[in-house]
Amino acid sequence: MKRLLVLTLLFVSAQVYADDAYWTSGLTITGIEVADAENFYYRAYGVPSCGFAYVNESDSGSKAKIATLLAAYSMGKTVSLFIQPTNGYCHIRGIYMLN
C-alpha cells in the first residue's frame, strides 16, 4: 500500500513540471560532489544522459533529497531520478530509492 501511495504521489508531482522532465531508469550513483549553494550545490554522478544531476540548496525539499542521495550512494542502492533539463544541465526534482 505504501509503495502504491509513493508512486501515485510521484506521478502527480511530476505533472507540475515542464513536459521535457523525465524519470531515469534505475541507476547507481557513482560519485558525490558539493559546491556553492546555488552553483549546482549537490551533484550526483552516474546519470547517463547528463553525467551529473544536481540539487540546489534553495530547492524545495533539498535537505531530504540530499539525504536520500547520500544514503543511496553510501549503501550502493539503485535510484530513479525525476530530472528537469535546465539550461543544458539536469536538475533533480524527485527521487525514488528502489529496494
C-alpha atoms as a PDB file:
ATOM      1  CA  MET A   1       0.000   0.000   0.000  1.00  0.00           C
ATOM      2  CA  LYS A   2       2.830   2.421   0.857  1.00  0.00           C
ATOM      3  CA  ARG A   3       4.513   1.718  -2.458  1.00  0.00           C
ATOM      4  CA  LEU A   4       1.307   2.497  -4.365  1.00  0.00           C
ATOM      5  CA  LEU A   5       0.893   5.743  -2.437  1.00  0.00           C
ATOM      6  CA  VAL A   6       4.509   6.775  -3.108  1.00  0.00           C
ATOM      7  CA  LEU A   7       4.203   6.006  -6.819  1.00  0.00           C
ATOM      8  CA  THR A   8       0.923   7.938  -7.025  1.00  0.00           C
ATOM      9  CA  LEU A   9       2.436  10.968  -5.296  1.00  0.00           C
ATOM     10  CA  LEU A  10       5.475  10.846  -7.567  1.00  0.00           C
ATOM     11  CA  PHE A  11       3.262  10.666 -10.649  1.00  0.00           C
ATOM     12  CA  VAL A  12       1.123  13.602  -9.506  1.00  0.00           C
ATOM     13  CA  SER A  13       4.167  15.709  -8.578  1.00  0.00           C
ATOM     14  CA  ALA A  14       5.713  15.016 -11.978  1.00  0.00           C
ATOM     15  CA  GLN A  15       2.759  16.729 -13.666  1.00  0.00           C
ATOM     16  CA  VAL A  16       3.764  20.094 -12.147  1.00  0.00           C
ATOM     17  CA  TYR A  17       6.995  20.396 -14.142  1.00  0.00           C
ATOM     18  CA  ALA A  18       7.651  21.075 -17.805  1.00  0.00           C
ATOM     19  CA  ASP A  19       6.914  18.479 -20.439  1.00  0.00           C
ATOM     20  CA  ASP A  20      10.616  17.820 -21.040  1.00  0.00           C
ATOM     21  CA  ALA A  21      11.098  16.469 -17.490  1.00  0.00           C
ATOM     22  CA  TYR A  22      11.537  12.698 -17.237  1.00  0.00           C
ATOM     23  CA  TRP A  23      12.286   9.791 -14.883  1.00  0.00           C
ATOM     24  CA  THR A  24      15.565   7.938 -15.268  1.00  0.00           C
ATOM     25  CA  SER A  25      15.542   4.179 -15.096  1.00  0.00           C
ATOM     26  CA  GLY A  26      17.185   2.616 -12.060  1.00  0.00           C
ATOM     27  CA  LEU A  27      20.760   3.837 -11.733  1.00  0.00           C
ATOM     28  CA  THR A  28      23.553   3.672  -9.205  1.00  0.00           C
ATOM     29  CA  ILE A  29      25.177   6.924  -8.115  1.00  0.00           C
ATOM     30  CA  THR A  30      28.908   6.701  -8.821  1.00  0.00           C
ATOM     31  CA  GLY A  31      30.074   9.877  -7.074  1.00  0.00           C
ATOM     32  CA  ILE A  32      29.051  12.878  -4.989  1.00  0.00           C
ATOM     33  CA  GLU A  33      30.289  16.487  -5.097  1.00  0.00           C
ATOM     34  CA  VAL A  34      29.311  19.512  -3.008  1.00  0.00           C
ATOM     35  CA  ALA A  35      29.799  23.043  -4.394  1.00  0.00           C
ATOM     36  CA  ASP A  36      28.433  26.540  -3.691  1.00  0.00           C
ATOM     37  CA  ALA A  37      24.797  26.763  -2.554  1.00  0.00           C
ATOM     38  CA  GLU A  38      23.355  27.922  -5.900  1.00  0.00           C
ATOM     39  CA  ASN A  39      26.049  26.585  -8.222  1.00  0.00           C
ATOM     40  CA  PHE A  40      24.768  23.035  -8.713  1.00  0.00           C
ATOM     41  CA  TYR A  41      25.140  22.723  -4.917  1.00  0.00           C
ATOM     42  CA  TYR A  42      24.897  18.955  -4.521  1.00  0.00           C
ATOM     43  CA  ARG A  43      25.922  16.876  -7.541  1.00  0.00           C
ATOM     44  CA  ALA A  44      25.249  13.203  -8.066  1.00  0.00           C
ATOM     45  CA  TYR A  45      27.334  11.482 -10.745  1.00  0.00           C
ATOM     46  CA  GLY A  46      26.402   8.424 -12.784  1.00  0.00           C
ATOM     47  CA  VAL A  47      23.403   9.833 -14.672  1.00  0.00           C
ATOM     48  CA  PRO A  48      23.910   8.535 -18.227  1.00  0.00           C
ATOM     49  CA  SER A  49      22.057  11.317 -20.048  1.00  0.00           C
ATOM     50  CA  CYS A  50      23.943  14.171 -18.330  1.00  0.00           C
ATOM     51  CA  GLY A  51      26.992  12.938 -16.455  1.00  0.00           C
ATOM     52  CA  PHE A  52      25.763  14.533 -13.224  1.00  0.00           C
ATOM     53  CA  ALA A  53      22.462  15.785 -11.870  1.00  0.00           C
ATOM     54  CA  TYR A  54      22.152  18.454  -9.193  1.00  0.00           C
ATOM     55  CA  VAL A  55      20.095  19.847  -6.309  1.00  0.00           C
ATOM     56  CA  ASN A  56      20.458  23.495  -5.230  1.00  0.00           C
ATOM     57  CA  GLU A  57      20.196  24.487  -1.573  1.00  0.00           C
ATOM     58  CA  SER A  58      17.105  26.637  -2.274  1.00  0.00           C
ATOM     59  CA  ASP A  59      15.188  23.786  -3.970  1.00  0.00           C
ATOM     60  CA  SER A  60      12.028  22.579  -2.289  1.00  0.00           C
ATOM     61  CA  GLY A  61      12.913  19.605  -0.096  1.00  0.00           C
ATOM     62  CA  SER A  62      16.646  19.959  -0.789  1.00  0.00           C
ATOM     63  CA  LYS A  63      17.712  18.565   2.596  1.00  0.00           C
ATOM     64  CA  ALA A  64      15.611  15.426   2.144  1.00  0.00           C
ATOM     65  CA  LYS A  65      16.797  14.998  -1.452  1.00  0.00           C
ATOM     66  CA  ILE A  66      20.439  15.358  -0.407  1.00  0.00           C
ATOM     67  CA  ALA A  67      19.977  12.906   2.481  1.00  0.00           C
ATOM     68  CA  THR A  68      18.317  10.374   0.159  1.00  0.00           C
ATOM     69  CA  LEU A  69      21.051  10.690  -2.465  1.00  0.00           C
ATOM     70  CA  LEU A  70      23.782  10.344   0.158  1.00  0.00           C
ATOM     71  CA  ALA A  71      22.094   7.287   1.674  1.00  0.00           C
ATOM     72  CA  ALA A  72      21.682   5.677  -1.747  1.00  0.00           C
ATOM     73  CA  TYR A  73      25.322   6.357  -2.600  1.00  0.00           C
ATOM     74  CA  SER A  74      26.590   5.084   0.763  1.00  0.00           C
ATOM     75  CA  MET A  75      24.573   1.861   0.564  1.00  0.00           C
ATOM     76  CA  GLY A  76      25.025   1.303  -3.170  1.00  0.00           C
ATOM     77  CA  LYS A  77      21.243   1.415  -3.674  1.00  0.00           C
ATOM     78  CA  THR A  78      19.546   1.897  -7.015  1.00  0.00           C
ATOM     79  CA  VAL A  79      17.554   5.106  -7.532  1.00  0.00           C
ATOM     80  CA  SER A  80      15.326   6.636 -10.160  1.00  0.00           C
ATOM     81  CA  LEU A  81      15.587  10.397 -10.540  1.00  0.00           C
ATOM     82  CA  PHE A  82      12.962  12.801 -11.829  1.00  0.00           C
ATOM     83  CA  ILE A  83      15.075  15.134 -13.962  1.00  0.00           C
ATOM     84  CA  GLN A  84      14.141  18.509 -15.393  1.00  0.00           C
ATOM     85  CA  PRO A  85      16.615  19.746 -18.017  1.00  0.00           C
ATOM     86  CA  THR A  86      17.553  23.324 -17.098  1.00  0.00           C
ATOM     87  CA  ASN A  87      19.918  25.358 -19.289  1.00  0.00           C
ATOM     88  CA  GLY A  88      21.658  22.216 -20.518  1.00  0.00           C
ATOM     89  CA  TYR A  89      22.010  20.666 -17.039  1.00  0.00           C
ATOM     90  CA  CYS A  90      19.972  18.047 -15.180  1.00  0.00           C
ATOM     91  CA  HIS A  91      18.045  19.418 -12.182  1.00  0.00           C
ATOM     92  CA  ILE A  92      16.793  16.757  -9.736  1.00  0.00           C
ATOM     93  CA  ARG A  93      13.116  17.325  -8.903  1.00  0.00           C
ATOM     94  CA  GLY A  94      12.262  13.931  -7.407  1.00  0.00           C
ATOM     95  CA  ILE A  95      13.934  10.742  -6.171  1.00  0.00           C
ATOM     96  CA  TYR A  96      12.689   7.204  -5.790  1.00  0.00           C
ATOM     97  CA  MET A  97      15.029   4.808  -3.985  1.00  0.00           C
ATOM     98  CA  LEU A  98      14.458   1.228  -5.012  1.00  0.00           C
ATOM     99  CA  ASN A  99      14.916  -1.791  -2.753  1.00  0.00           C
END
